[in-house]
Protein backbone atom coordinates (compact mmCIF):
# COMPACT_ATOMS: atom_id res chain seq x y z
CA MET A 1 0.00 0.00 0.00
CA THR A 2 1.39 3.44 -0.90
CA SER A 3 1.73 6.16 1.74
CA THR A 4 -1.03 8.13 0.00
CA SER A 5 -3.40 5.16 0.11
CA ALA A 6 -2.55 4.52 3.75
CA SER A 7 -3.24 8.15 4.64
CA ARG A 8 -6.59 8.04 2.82
CA LYS A 9 -7.61 4.85 4.61
CA ALA A 10 -6.63 6.34 7.98
CA LYS A 11 -8.78 9.42 7.39
CA ILE A 12 -11.79 7.30 6.45
CA GLN A 13 -11.35 5.12 9.52
CA ALA A 14 -10.98 8.22 11.67
CA ALA A 15 -14.45 9.29 10.54
CA ALA A 16 -16.02 6.44 12.50
CA PRO A 17 -17.91 7.97 15.46
CA LYS A 18 -17.81 6.23 18.83
CA GLY A 19 -20.98 4.58 20.68
CA GLY A 20 -13.44 27.21 -11.05
CA ILE A 21 -16.32 29.41 -11.80
CA ARG A 22 -18.87 27.86 -14.08
CA ASN A 23 -20.99 29.85 -16.52
CA ALA A 24 -24.57 28.62 -16.78
CA LYS A 25 -27.20 29.56 -19.33
CA SER A 26 -30.92 29.23 -19.02
CA GLY A 27 -32.62 26.53 -21.01
CA GLY A 28 -34.49 27.49 -24.14
CA ASN A 29 -37.88 26.39 -22.84
CA GLY A 30 -37.50 26.59 -19.09
CA GLY A 31 -36.84 30.25 -18.36
CA ALA A 32 -33.80 31.60 -16.56
CA ASN A 33 -32.11 29.39 -14.01
CA ARG A 34 -31.21 30.97 -10.72
CA ILE A 35 -27.45 31.36 -10.33
CA VAL A 36 -25.74 32.28 -7.10
CA VAL A 37 -22.02 32.90 -6.87
CA ALA A 38 -20.58 32.28 -3.41
CA THR A 39 -16.98 33.02 -2.42
CA VAL A 40 -15.56 31.08 0.50
CA VAL A 41 -12.29 32.09 2.12
CA VAL A 42 -10.84 29.39 4.38
CA VAL A 43 -7.77 30.17 6.49
CA VAL A 44 -5.67 27.40 8.03
CA VAL A 45 -2.01 28.40 7.68
CA LEU A 46 -2.26 30.24 4.38
CA ALA A 47 -5.45 31.73 3.03
CA ALA A 48 -7.14 29.63 0.33
CA VAL A 49 -9.75 31.42 -1.75
CA ILE A 50 -12.23 29.14 -3.46
CA THR A 51 -15.16 30.28 -5.56
CA ALA A 52 -18.16 28.11 -6.35
CA VAL A 53 -21.13 28.67 -8.60
CA ILE A 54 -24.45 27.30 -7.51
CA LEU A 55 -27.17 26.58 -10.02
CA GLY A 56 -30.71 25.95 -8.90
CA SER A 57 -33.40 24.46 -11.08
CA SER A 58 -37.06 23.68 -10.47
CA ASP A 59 -37.12 20.91 -13.05
CA LYS A 60 -37.08 18.15 -10.43
CA LYS A 61 -40.51 16.53 -10.75
CA GLU A 62 -39.39 13.33 -12.45
CA ALA A 63 -36.48 12.77 -10.07
CA THR A 64 -38.64 13.50 -7.04
CA THR A 65 -41.10 10.74 -7.85
CA ALA A 66 -38.47 8.16 -8.88
CA GLY A 67 -37.19 5.48 -6.53
CA GLY A 68 -38.33 4.60 -3.04
CA SER A 69 -39.77 6.72 -0.26
CA ALA A 70 -38.08 5.01 2.70
CA LEU A 71 -36.36 7.32 5.17
CA PRO A 72 -32.73 6.64 6.02
CA LYS A 73 -31.85 5.72 9.59
CA ASN A 74 -31.99 8.64 12.03
CA VAL A 75 -34.07 10.83 9.71
CA ALA A 76 -37.29 12.15 11.22
CA ALA A 77 -39.20 13.17 8.10
CA MET A 78 -38.97 14.04 4.41
CA GLY A 79 -36.74 17.07 3.98
CA ALA A 80 -35.00 16.58 7.31
CA GLY A 81 -31.29 15.79 7.53
CA ILE A 82 -29.53 12.71 8.86
CA VAL A 83 -28.81 13.03 12.58
CA VAL A 84 -25.37 11.45 12.76
CA ASN A 85 -25.20 11.19 16.56
CA PRO A 86 -28.79 11.19 17.85
CA THR A 87 -27.71 10.47 21.45
CA ALA A 88 -25.86 13.79 21.77
CA PRO A 89 -26.73 15.66 24.99
CA ALA A 90 -29.48 18.26 24.84
CA ASN A 91 -27.16 21.10 25.89
CA VAL A 92 -24.84 20.84 22.86
CA PRO A 93 -25.46 22.93 19.73
CA THR A 94 -26.80 21.50 16.48
CA LEU A 95 -24.38 21.71 13.57
CA ASP A 96 -26.14 21.47 10.20
CA LEU A 97 -23.89 20.67 7.25
CA TYR A 98 -25.14 21.20 3.69
CA GLU A 99 -22.88 19.77 0.97
CA ASP A 100 -23.03 18.42 -2.56
CA PHE A 101 -20.71 15.48 -3.19
CA GLN A 102 -19.66 16.97 -6.56
CA CYS A 103 -18.77 20.34 -5.04
CA PRO A 104 -14.99 21.01 -5.10
CA VAL A 105 -15.35 23.64 -2.36
CA CYS A 106 -17.04 21.04 -0.16
CA ALA A 107 -14.16 18.65 -0.73
CA ARG A 108 -11.76 21.40 0.34
CA PHE A 109 -13.89 22.13 3.40
CA GLU A 110 -13.89 18.42 4.27
CA GLU A 111 -10.10 18.30 3.88
CA ILE A 112 -9.64 21.16 6.32
CA PHE A 113 -12.45 20.72 8.83
CA GLY A 114 -13.63 17.13 8.36
CA LEU A 115 -11.62 15.47 11.11
CA GLN A 116 -12.33 18.34 13.50
CA ILE A 117 -16.07 17.89 12.98
CA VAL A 118 -15.67 14.12 13.46
CA ASP A 119 -13.87 14.80 16.75
CA LEU A 120 -16.71 17.08 17.85
CA VAL A 121 -19.17 14.29 17.04
CA LYS A 122 -17.10 11.65 18.86
CA ALA A 123 -16.95 13.86 21.95
CA ASN A 124 -20.69 14.65 21.64
CA GLN A 125 -19.87 18.36 21.60
CA VAL A 126 -22.29 18.94 18.73
CA LYS A 127 -25.31 17.19 17.29
CA LEU A 128 -24.38 16.82 13.63
CA VAL A 129 -27.15 16.90 11.04
CA ALA A 130 -26.10 16.16 7.44
CA HIS A 131 -28.02 17.42 4.41
CA PRO A 132 -26.59 15.86 1.20
CA LEU A 133 -27.66 18.07 -1.70
CA SER A 134 -27.92 17.32 -5.41
CA PHE A 135 -28.27 20.65 -7.22
CA LEU A 136 -25.01 20.27 -9.15
CA ASP A 137 -26.57 17.57 -11.31
CA ASP A 138 -28.38 20.37 -13.15
CA ASN A 139 -25.23 22.44 -13.56
CA LEU A 140 -22.95 19.56 -14.56
CA ARG A 141 -25.53 17.70 -16.65
CA ASN A 142 -25.15 14.38 -14.85
CA ASP A 143 -26.79 12.52 -11.96
CA SER A 144 -23.74 11.89 -9.78
CA SER A 145 -24.82 14.14 -6.90
CA ASN A 146 -28.14 12.33 -6.66
CA ARG A 147 -26.55 8.88 -6.83
CA ALA A 148 -23.85 9.80 -4.31
CA ALA A 149 -26.46 11.17 -1.90
CA ASN A 150 -28.48 7.97 -2.32
CA ALA A 151 -25.35 5.90 -1.70
CA ALA A 152 -24.48 7.89 1.42
CA SER A 153 -28.00 7.54 2.79
CA CYS A 154 -27.80 3.77 2.30
CA ALA A 155 -24.51 3.82 4.23
CA ALA A 156 -26.26 5.78 6.97
CA ASP A 157 -28.58 2.81 7.45
CA ALA A 158 -25.50 0.89 8.62
CA ASP A 159 -24.26 3.80 10.79
CA LYS A 160 -21.48 4.45 8.27
CA PHE A 161 -22.47 7.90 7.00
CA LEU A 162 -19.37 9.76 8.18
CA GLN A 163 -17.04 7.09 6.85
CA TYR A 164 -18.83 7.09 3.49
CA HIS A 165 -18.86 10.89 3.46
CA ALA A 166 -15.08 10.96 3.96
CA ALA A 167 -14.41 8.31 1.33
CA THR A 168 -16.57 10.05 -1.28
CA PHE A 169 -14.94 13.44 -0.91
CA GLN A 170 -11.47 11.87 -0.93
CA GLY A 171 -12.45 10.06 -4.13
CA GLN A 172 -13.96 13.11 -5.80
CA PRO A 173 -12.80 13.30 -9.46
CA LYS A 174 -10.11 15.89 -10.09
CA THR A 175 -12.03 17.08 -13.14
CA GLU A 176 -15.27 18.75 -12.08
CA GLY A 177 -18.21 17.18 -13.85
CA ALA A 178 -16.53 13.83 -14.47
CA GLY A 179 -18.92 12.38 -11.92
CA TYR A 180 -18.96 9.11 -10.01
CA THR A 181 -19.48 5.69 -11.54
CA ASP A 182 -21.53 3.05 -9.76
CA ALA A 183 -18.25 1.18 -9.24
CA ASP A 184 -16.79 4.27 -7.54
CA LEU A 185 -19.72 4.50 -5.16
CA LYS A 186 -19.47 0.81 -4.27
CA ARG A 187 -15.73 1.18 -3.69
CA PHE A 188 -16.44 3.99 -1.24
CA ALA A 189 -18.85 1.68 0.60
CA VAL A 190 -16.08 -0.90 0.98
CA GLN A 191 -13.64 1.80 2.10
CA ALA A 192 -16.22 2.94 4.65
CA GLY A 193 -16.13 -0.50 6.23
CA LEU A 194 -19.17 -2.18 4.70
CA ASP A 195 -18.66 -5.85 3.94
CA GLY A 196 -20.49 -9.17 3.93
CA PRO A 197 -24.23 -8.85 4.67
CA THR A 198 -23.98 -5.10 5.33
CA LEU A 199 -22.44 -4.52 1.91
CA THR A 200 -25.12 -6.68 0.29
CA THR A 201 -27.81 -4.64 2.04
CA TRP A 202 -26.13 -1.43 0.87
CA GLU A 203 -26.02 -2.71 -2.72
CA GLN A 204 -29.72 -3.57 -2.62
CA CYS A 205 -30.60 -0.18 -1.13
CA TYR A 206 -28.50 1.67 -3.70
CA ALA A 207 -29.79 -0.35 -6.68
CA ALA A 208 -33.41 0.25 -5.66
CA LYS A 209 -32.76 3.93 -4.84
CA SER A 210 -34.69 3.21 -1.67
CA HIS A 211 -34.15 6.72 -0.29
CA ASN A 212 -34.39 8.73 -3.51
CA GLN A 213 -37.54 10.65 -2.67
CA TRP A 214 -35.92 11.67 0.60
CA VAL A 215 -32.77 12.78 -1.27
CA GLU A 216 -34.84 15.02 -3.51
CA SER A 217 -36.87 16.32 -0.58
CA VAL A 218 -33.68 17.41 1.19
CA GLN A 219 -32.71 19.50 -1.85
CA THR A 220 -36.19 21.04 -2.03
CA GLN A 221 -36.31 21.80 1.69
CA SER A 222 -32.84 23.34 1.72
CA GLU A 223 -33.90 25.78 -0.99
CA LYS A 224 -37.00 26.69 1.03
CA ASP A 225 -34.73 27.27 4.02
CA GLY A 226 -32.59 29.72 2.04
CA VAL A 227 -29.56 27.52 1.49
CA ASN A 228 -28.22 28.65 -1.88
CA GLY A 229 -24.57 27.63 -1.76
CA THR A 230 -22.36 24.82 -0.57
CA PRO A 231 -20.80 24.23 1.79
CA THR A 232 -23.28 25.90 4.11
CA VAL A 233 -22.79 25.40 7.83
CA LYS A 234 -25.35 26.36 10.44
CA LEU A 235 -24.85 26.38 14.19
CA ASN A 236 -28.15 26.30 16.08
CA GLY A 237 -29.83 27.51 12.91
CA LYS A 238 -27.49 30.46 12.33
CA VAL A 239 -25.26 30.41 9.24
CA VAL A 240 -21.58 30.24 10.13
CA ASP A 241 -19.49 32.84 8.30
CA LEU A 242 -16.92 30.82 6.35
CA SER A 243 -14.87 33.90 5.43
CA GLY A 244 -11.64 33.53 7.34
CA LEU A 245 -12.92 30.53 9.29
CA THR A 246 -10.23 28.56 11.12
CA ARG A 247 -10.38 25.45 13.25
CA ASP A 248 -9.86 27.58 16.34
CA LYS A 249 -12.72 29.89 15.38
CA LEU A 250 -15.03 26.96 14.72
CA ALA A 251 -14.16 25.46 18.10
CA ALA A 252 -14.80 28.81 19.78
CA GLU A 253 -18.19 29.19 18.10
CA VAL A 254 -19.22 25.70 19.18
CA LYS A 255 -18.12 26.40 22.75
CA ALA A 256 -20.03 29.70 22.82
CA ALA A 257 -23.17 27.98 21.55
CA THR A 258 -23.04 25.25 24.22
CA LYS A 259 -25.57 25.81 27.01
């Protein structure tokens, strides 16, 4: 195993909890698509400026009705996110994380803050709620965001969401829009620790798109809630300013929000 592969495997295992700018044009028969440009400045040692373009589309009816209507584990209702650690104490703040698995900015955010958020979850210092979005399918003209969100929700059924989340962002194609193959998504399931009967169950869930209506409902609800860019992070319902965010600042905000 190469050192790079070993490092990637270690990061995925660590996710196990205890206990450029794109131009978009409107379609000829659908009216103008809503485009939001969001600039995220993340500071760790050196400032990294990353710009993402978010494209929203209302042409979701077919996708919304396709697949199954089963809710993933630890999801209360259609449109609601996955509660990663539902046994978190009542006094800790809720951290809502909105990401699209095809979003390069989200992959960068995961690289910088992913293990810190996992540590917060392990220590039950936050209640993490994940909202996997799929808007980039419209912008990139593929269905990889939807399929990746479905795959992650099937992994959540086996309490492997964070591990699958880490594996998917680490395996994100270098070329934006290249998308994920079904083989990629299965490989991430294996990397997340699914094997034997649990992997078979994941494969059946993914093939049937058992949670697809929930996946689409999360995208719809996030738009209703004013989420128009990814990554979006909310702490107790308040959007965290990602401009100049550091690990220390995130830790301080979590501490301040703890009752």
